[in-house]
Amino acid sequence: MIKLWKSWSMIDSPMAWARVVAGRELVRRLGAVEEDHIDESEHSALLGTASDIDDWVRRDDYQRVLAALPPRQRQVLVWTTDGYSPAEIADQLKLNAATVRSNLRKARRTMALHLGKGAQR
């Protein structure tokens, strides 16, 4: 928020700015994280036991396919679902608009193929 406050006079789109800054910070933090794996059989009062909601989350094909997309395709697809046009995304991410459209097309094609297969099961 301090970065936002210091840069406020230069920001045209606060929502897009926040998304770009948050994305960069996420990449930095993920690169520095050392994972501590938890034994899946471990249960506690805080973790509880598996529920119907947990099963639904595991079966959620959309999230599974979205997570499998390459990072740039996932990024432009999520920005698009938030209402940004390819031109706006290109402007905010400092990319060529054709690159954004290409990544969006590939992401949509992959999603359609995988989700179509899931519907046939």
N, C-alpha and C. Protein backbone atom coordinates (compact mmCIF):
# COMPACT_ATOMS: atom_id res chain seq x y z
N MET A 1 0.82 -1.19 0.00
CA MET A 1 0.00 0.00 0.00
C MET A 1 0.87 1.26 0.00
N ILE A 2 2.05 1.13 0.61
CA ILE A 2 2.95 2.28 0.61
C ILE A 2 3.42 2.58 -0.80
N LYS A 3 3.71 1.51 -1.57
CA LYS A 3 4.10 1.70 -2.97
C LYS A 3 2.98 2.40 -3.74
N LEU A 4 1.75 1.99 -3.49
CA LEU A 4 0.60 2.61 -4.15
C LEU A 4 0.50 4.08 -3.78
N TRP A 5 0.60 4.39 -2.52
CA TRP A 5 0.49 5.77 -2.05
C TRP A 5 1.57 6.65 -2.66
N LYS A 6 2.81 6.16 -2.70
CA LYS A 6 3.91 6.94 -3.26
C LYS A 6 3.76 7.15 -4.76
N SER A 7 3.11 6.22 -5.45
CA SER A 7 2.99 6.29 -6.91
C SER A 7 1.61 6.77 -7.37
N TRP A 8 0.72 7.12 -6.47
CA TRP A 8 -0.68 7.40 -6.80
C TRP A 8 -0.85 8.38 -7.95
N SER A 9 -0.07 9.45 -7.98
CA SER A 9 -0.25 10.48 -9.03
C SER A 9 0.09 9.96 -10.42
N MET A 10 0.83 8.87 -10.52
CA MET A 10 1.23 8.32 -11.83
C MET A 10 0.40 7.12 -12.25
N ILE A 11 -0.53 6.67 -11.43
CA ILE A 11 -1.28 5.44 -11.71
C ILE A 11 -2.61 5.78 -12.39
N ASP A 12 -2.80 5.20 -13.59
CA ASP A 12 -4.04 5.41 -14.33
C ASP A 12 -5.12 4.42 -13.92
N SER A 13 -4.70 3.18 -13.68
CA SER A 13 -5.66 2.13 -13.35
C SER A 13 -5.21 1.41 -12.07
N PRO A 14 -5.72 1.84 -10.91
CA PRO A 14 -5.27 1.25 -9.64
C PRO A 14 -5.46 -0.27 -9.56
N MET A 15 -6.56 -0.78 -10.10
CA MET A 15 -6.82 -2.22 -10.03
C MET A 15 -5.77 -2.99 -10.83
N ALA A 16 -5.49 -2.52 -12.04
CA ALA A 16 -4.47 -3.18 -12.87
C ALA A 16 -3.10 -3.05 -12.23
N TRP A 17 -2.80 -1.89 -11.68
CA TRP A 17 -1.51 -1.67 -11.03
C TRP A 17 -1.33 -2.65 -9.87
N ALA A 18 -2.38 -2.80 -9.07
CA ALA A 18 -2.32 -3.70 -7.93
C ALA A 18 -2.10 -5.14 -8.39
N ARG A 19 -2.75 -5.54 -9.47
CA ARG A 19 -2.59 -6.90 -10.00
C ARG A 19 -1.16 -7.14 -10.45
N VAL A 20 -0.57 -6.17 -11.16
CA VAL A 20 0.81 -6.30 -11.64
C VAL A 20 1.77 -6.38 -10.46
N VAL A 21 1.63 -5.48 -9.51
CA VAL A 21 2.53 -5.46 -8.34
C VAL A 21 2.38 -6.75 -7.53
N ALA A 22 1.15 -7.18 -7.31
CA ALA A 22 0.92 -8.41 -6.55
C ALA A 22 1.50 -9.61 -7.27
N GLY A 23 1.35 -9.65 -8.59
CA GLY A 23 1.92 -10.76 -9.37
C GLY A 23 3.43 -10.81 -9.26
N ARG A 24 4.06 -9.66 -9.36
CA ARG A 24 5.52 -9.62 -9.23
C ARG A 24 5.96 -10.06 -7.84
N GLU A 25 5.26 -9.61 -6.81
CA GLU A 25 5.61 -9.97 -5.44
C GLU A 25 5.41 -11.47 -5.21
N LEU A 26 4.35 -12.04 -5.79
CA LEU A 26 4.10 -13.47 -5.66
C LEU A 26 5.24 -14.26 -6.27
N VAL A 27 5.69 -13.87 -7.46
CA VAL A 27 6.80 -14.57 -8.11
C VAL A 27 8.05 -14.49 -7.25
N ARG A 28 8.34 -13.32 -6.69
CA ARG A 28 9.51 -13.17 -5.82
C ARG A 28 9.42 -14.09 -4.60
N ARG A 29 8.26 -14.11 -3.98
CA ARG A 29 8.11 -14.91 -2.77
C ARG A 29 8.12 -16.41 -3.06
N LEU A 30 7.49 -16.82 -4.15
CA LEU A 30 7.50 -18.24 -4.51
C LEU A 30 8.91 -18.72 -4.81
N GLY A 31 9.72 -17.85 -5.38
CA GLY A 31 11.10 -18.21 -5.67
C GLY A 31 11.93 -18.38 -4.42
N ALA A 32 11.52 -17.78 -3.33
CA ALA A 32 12.30 -17.82 -2.09
C ALA A 32 11.74 -18.82 -1.07
N VAL A 33 10.65 -19.49 -1.38
CA VAL A 33 9.99 -20.38 -0.42
C VAL A 33 10.63 -21.77 -0.45
N GLU A 34 10.92 -22.27 0.73
CA GLU A 34 11.33 -23.66 0.88
C GLU A 34 10.12 -24.40 1.43
N GLU A 35 9.66 -25.40 0.69
CA GLU A 35 8.45 -26.09 1.10
C GLU A 35 8.71 -27.06 2.24
N ASP A 36 7.79 -27.07 3.17
CA ASP A 36 7.81 -28.02 4.28
C ASP A 36 6.60 -28.92 4.07
N HIS A 37 6.83 -30.10 3.55
CA HIS A 37 5.72 -30.99 3.20
C HIS A 37 5.07 -31.57 4.45
N ILE A 38 3.76 -31.59 4.43
CA ILE A 38 2.98 -32.12 5.54
C ILE A 38 2.52 -33.52 5.17
N ASP A 39 2.65 -34.43 6.11
CA ASP A 39 2.19 -35.79 5.90
C ASP A 39 0.67 -35.75 5.70
N GLU A 40 0.20 -36.31 4.58
CA GLU A 40 -1.22 -36.26 4.25
C GLU A 40 -2.08 -37.01 5.27
N SER A 41 -1.49 -37.99 5.96
CA SER A 41 -2.29 -38.75 6.91
C SER A 41 -2.44 -38.04 8.25
N GLU A 42 -1.71 -36.95 8.43
CA GLU A 42 -1.76 -36.20 9.68
C GLU A 42 -3.10 -35.47 9.81
N HIS A 43 -3.77 -35.67 10.93
CA HIS A 43 -5.04 -34.98 11.19
C HIS A 43 -4.93 -34.27 12.53
N SER A 44 -5.58 -33.15 12.62
CA SER A 44 -5.62 -32.42 13.88
C SER A 44 -6.97 -31.72 13.96
N ALA A 45 -7.20 -31.08 15.06
CA ALA A 45 -8.45 -30.32 15.21
C ALA A 45 -8.53 -29.19 14.21
N LEU A 46 -7.37 -28.66 13.82
CA LEU A 46 -7.36 -27.56 12.87
C LEU A 46 -7.57 -28.04 11.44
N LEU A 47 -6.97 -29.18 11.09
CA LEU A 47 -7.10 -29.69 9.73
C LEU A 47 -8.41 -30.42 9.51
N GLY A 48 -8.91 -31.08 10.53
CA GLY A 48 -10.15 -31.80 10.40
C GLY A 48 -10.02 -33.01 9.48
N THR A 49 -11.15 -33.56 9.08
CA THR A 49 -11.15 -34.70 8.17
C THR A 49 -11.70 -34.26 6.83
N ALA A 50 -11.54 -35.12 5.86
CA ALA A 50 -12.03 -34.82 4.51
C ALA A 50 -13.55 -34.63 4.54
N SER A 51 -14.04 -33.73 3.74
CA SER A 51 -15.48 -33.48 3.67
C SER A 51 -15.93 -33.50 2.22
N ASP A 52 -17.21 -33.32 2.00
CA ASP A 52 -17.74 -33.25 0.64
C ASP A 52 -17.13 -32.08 -0.12
N ILE A 53 -16.87 -30.98 0.58
CA ILE A 53 -16.27 -29.80 -0.05
C ILE A 53 -14.87 -30.13 -0.53
N ASP A 54 -14.10 -30.86 0.28
CA ASP A 54 -12.75 -31.26 -0.13
C ASP A 54 -12.80 -32.12 -1.39
N ASP A 55 -13.76 -33.03 -1.47
CA ASP A 55 -13.90 -33.86 -2.67
C ASP A 55 -14.23 -33.01 -3.88
N TRP A 56 -15.11 -32.07 -3.70
CA TRP A 56 -15.49 -31.20 -4.82
C TRP A 56 -14.29 -30.40 -5.32
N VAL A 57 -13.49 -29.87 -4.38
CA VAL A 57 -12.31 -29.09 -4.77
C VAL A 57 -11.33 -29.97 -5.55
N ARG A 58 -11.13 -31.20 -5.12
CA ARG A 58 -10.21 -32.10 -5.81
C ARG A 58 -10.72 -32.43 -7.22
N ARG A 59 -12.02 -32.49 -7.40
CA ARG A 59 -12.60 -32.84 -8.70
C ARG A 59 -12.77 -31.63 -9.60
N ASP A 60 -12.55 -30.49 -9.11
CA ASP A 60 -12.80 -29.27 -9.88
C ASP A 60 -11.87 -29.21 -11.09
N ASP A 61 -12.39 -29.64 -12.23
CA ASP A 61 -11.59 -29.72 -13.45
C ASP A 61 -11.07 -28.37 -13.90
N TYR A 62 -11.86 -27.34 -13.77
CA TYR A 62 -11.43 -26.02 -14.24
C TYR A 62 -10.16 -25.58 -13.54
N GLN A 63 -10.13 -25.68 -12.23
CA GLN A 63 -8.95 -25.27 -11.47
C GLN A 63 -7.75 -26.13 -11.81
N ARG A 64 -7.96 -27.40 -12.02
CA ARG A 64 -6.88 -28.32 -12.36
C ARG A 64 -6.26 -27.94 -13.70
N VAL A 65 -7.09 -27.71 -14.68
CA VAL A 65 -6.58 -27.35 -16.01
C VAL A 65 -5.96 -25.96 -15.98
N LEU A 66 -6.57 -25.03 -15.28
CA LEU A 66 -6.01 -23.68 -15.16
C LEU A 66 -4.61 -23.73 -14.55
N ALA A 67 -4.45 -24.53 -13.51
CA ALA A 67 -3.14 -24.65 -12.85
C ALA A 67 -2.10 -25.28 -13.75
N ALA A 68 -2.53 -26.09 -14.72
CA ALA A 68 -1.60 -26.78 -15.61
C ALA A 68 -1.15 -25.90 -16.78
N LEU A 69 -1.84 -24.78 -17.00
CA LEU A 69 -1.46 -23.89 -18.11
C LEU A 69 -0.09 -23.26 -17.84
N PRO A 70 0.64 -22.94 -18.91
CA PRO A 70 1.88 -22.17 -18.71
C PRO A 70 1.55 -20.84 -18.03
N PRO A 71 2.48 -20.28 -17.25
CA PRO A 71 2.19 -19.07 -16.47
C PRO A 71 1.62 -17.90 -17.28
N ARG A 72 2.17 -17.61 -18.44
CA ARG A 72 1.69 -16.46 -19.22
C ARG A 72 0.27 -16.70 -19.71
N GLN A 73 -0.06 -17.92 -20.15
CA GLN A 73 -1.42 -18.23 -20.60
C GLN A 73 -2.39 -18.12 -19.43
N ARG A 74 -2.00 -18.63 -18.29
CA ARG A 74 -2.85 -18.54 -17.10
C ARG A 74 -3.08 -17.08 -16.72
N GLN A 75 -2.02 -16.29 -16.79
CA GLN A 75 -2.10 -14.87 -16.42
C GLN A 75 -3.09 -14.12 -17.32
N VAL A 76 -2.97 -14.27 -18.63
CA VAL A 76 -3.86 -13.52 -19.52
C VAL A 76 -5.29 -14.04 -19.44
N LEU A 77 -5.47 -15.33 -19.20
CA LEU A 77 -6.82 -15.87 -19.06
C LEU A 77 -7.50 -15.33 -17.81
N VAL A 78 -6.77 -15.27 -16.71
CA VAL A 78 -7.35 -14.74 -15.46
C VAL A 78 -7.65 -13.26 -15.60
N TRP A 79 -6.73 -12.49 -16.21
CA TRP A 79 -7.00 -11.07 -16.43
C TRP A 79 -8.27 -10.91 -17.29
N THR A 80 -8.43 -11.76 -18.29
CA THR A 80 -9.60 -11.68 -19.17
C THR A 80 -10.88 -11.98 -18.39
N THR A 81 -10.84 -12.98 -17.51
CA THR A 81 -12.04 -13.28 -16.73
C THR A 81 -12.37 -12.16 -15.74
N ASP A 82 -11.38 -11.32 -15.43
CA ASP A 82 -11.63 -10.15 -14.58
C ASP A 82 -12.13 -8.95 -15.38
N GLY A 83 -12.32 -9.13 -16.69
CA GLY A 83 -12.93 -8.08 -17.49
C GLY A 83 -11.98 -7.22 -18.31
N TYR A 84 -10.71 -7.55 -18.32
CA TYR A 84 -9.75 -6.77 -19.11
C TYR A 84 -9.72 -7.25 -20.55
N SER A 85 -9.58 -6.31 -21.48
CA SER A 85 -9.45 -6.66 -22.89
C SER A 85 -8.00 -7.00 -23.18
N PRO A 86 -7.72 -7.72 -24.28
CA PRO A 86 -6.33 -8.02 -24.63
C PRO A 86 -5.46 -6.77 -24.76
N ALA A 87 -6.03 -5.69 -25.29
CA ALA A 87 -5.26 -4.45 -25.41
C ALA A 87 -4.91 -3.87 -24.04
N GLU A 88 -5.86 -3.92 -23.10
CA GLU A 88 -5.60 -3.42 -21.74
C GLU A 88 -4.55 -4.29 -21.04
N ILE A 89 -4.66 -5.60 -21.22
CA ILE A 89 -3.70 -6.51 -20.61
C ILE A 89 -2.30 -6.23 -21.17
N ALA A 90 -2.22 -6.10 -22.48
CA ALA A 90 -0.93 -5.83 -23.11
C ALA A 90 -0.33 -4.54 -22.59
N ASP A 91 -1.15 -3.53 -22.44
CA ASP A 91 -0.67 -2.24 -21.95
C ASP A 91 -0.17 -2.36 -20.50
N GLN A 92 -0.92 -3.03 -19.66
CA GLN A 92 -0.55 -3.14 -18.25
C GLN A 92 0.67 -4.03 -18.02
N LEU A 93 0.81 -5.10 -18.83
CA LEU A 93 1.92 -6.03 -18.65
C LEU A 93 3.11 -5.71 -19.55
N LYS A 94 2.97 -4.63 -20.31
CA LYS A 94 4.04 -4.20 -21.22
C LYS A 94 4.39 -5.30 -22.22
N LEU A 95 3.34 -5.87 -22.83
CA LEU A 95 3.48 -6.91 -23.84
C LEU A 95 2.90 -6.43 -25.15
N ASN A 96 3.23 -7.11 -26.20
CA ASN A 96 2.62 -6.86 -27.51
C ASN A 96 1.19 -7.40 -27.46
N ALA A 97 0.24 -6.67 -28.01
CA ALA A 97 -1.17 -7.11 -27.99
C ALA A 97 -1.34 -8.44 -28.72
N ALA A 98 -0.58 -8.65 -29.78
CA ALA A 98 -0.65 -9.92 -30.51
C ALA A 98 -0.19 -11.09 -29.62
N THR A 99 0.79 -10.85 -28.78
CA THR A 99 1.27 -11.87 -27.85
C THR A 99 0.18 -12.23 -26.85
N VAL A 100 -0.50 -11.22 -26.35
CA VAL A 100 -1.59 -11.47 -25.39
C VAL A 100 -2.70 -12.26 -26.07
N ARG A 101 -3.09 -11.84 -27.27
CA ARG A 101 -4.17 -12.56 -27.98
C ARG A 101 -3.76 -14.01 -28.28
N SER A 102 -2.51 -14.21 -28.67
CA SER A 102 -2.02 -15.56 -28.96
C SER A 102 -2.06 -16.44 -27.71
N ASN A 103 -1.57 -15.91 -26.59
CA ASN A 103 -1.59 -16.67 -25.35
C ASN A 103 -3.01 -16.95 -24.89
N LEU A 104 -3.90 -16.00 -25.08
CA LEU A 104 -5.29 -16.18 -24.70
C LEU A 104 -5.95 -17.26 -25.56
N ARG A 105 -5.67 -17.23 -26.86
CA ARG A 105 -6.22 -18.24 -27.78
C ARG A 105 -5.74 -19.64 -27.38
N LYS A 106 -4.43 -19.78 -27.09
CA LYS A 106 -3.87 -21.08 -26.69
C LYS A 106 -4.48 -21.54 -25.38
N ALA A 107 -4.64 -20.64 -24.43
CA ALA A 107 -5.22 -21.00 -23.14
C ALA A 107 -6.66 -21.45 -23.30
N ARG A 108 -7.43 -20.74 -24.08
CA ARG A 108 -8.83 -21.12 -24.30
C ARG A 108 -8.93 -22.46 -25.00
N ARG A 109 -8.05 -22.70 -25.97
CA ARG A 109 -8.06 -23.98 -26.70
C ARG A 109 -7.74 -25.13 -25.74
N THR A 110 -6.74 -24.95 -24.93
CA THR A 110 -6.36 -25.99 -23.96
C THR A 110 -7.50 -26.24 -22.98
N MET A 111 -8.09 -25.18 -22.47
CA MET A 111 -9.20 -25.33 -21.52
C MET A 111 -10.36 -26.08 -22.18
N ALA A 112 -10.70 -25.70 -23.41
CA ALA A 112 -11.82 -26.35 -24.11
C ALA A 112 -11.55 -27.83 -24.33
N LEU A 113 -10.33 -28.16 -24.72
CA LEU A 113 -9.99 -29.57 -24.97
C LEU A 113 -10.07 -30.38 -23.69
N HIS A 114 -9.47 -29.90 -22.63
CA HIS A 114 -9.46 -30.67 -21.37
C HIS A 114 -10.82 -30.70 -20.70
N LEU A 115 -11.54 -29.61 -20.71
CA LEU A 115 -12.85 -29.60 -20.08
C LEU A 115 -13.85 -30.40 -20.90
N GLY A 116 -13.68 -30.40 -22.22
CA GLY A 116 -14.53 -31.24 -23.09
C GLY A 116 -14.34 -32.71 -22.81
N LYS A 117 -13.10 -33.14 -22.58
CA LYS A 117 -12.81 -34.53 -22.26
C LYS A 117 -13.44 -34.91 -20.93
N GLY A 118 -13.39 -33.97 -19.95
CA GLY A 118 -13.96 -34.23 -18.64
C GLY A 118 -15.47 -34.40 -18.71
N ALA A 119 -16.12 -33.67 -19.60
CA ALA A 119 -17.58 -33.75 -19.72
C ALA A 119 -18.01 -35.06 -20.35
N GLN A 120 -17.11 -35.70 -21.13
CA GLN A 120 -17.44 -36.96 -21.80
C GLN A 120 -17.33 -38.16 -20.88
N ARG A 121 -16.68 -38.01 -19.70
CA ARG A 121 -16.49 -39.14 -18.78
C ARG A 121 -17.77 -39.60 -18.19
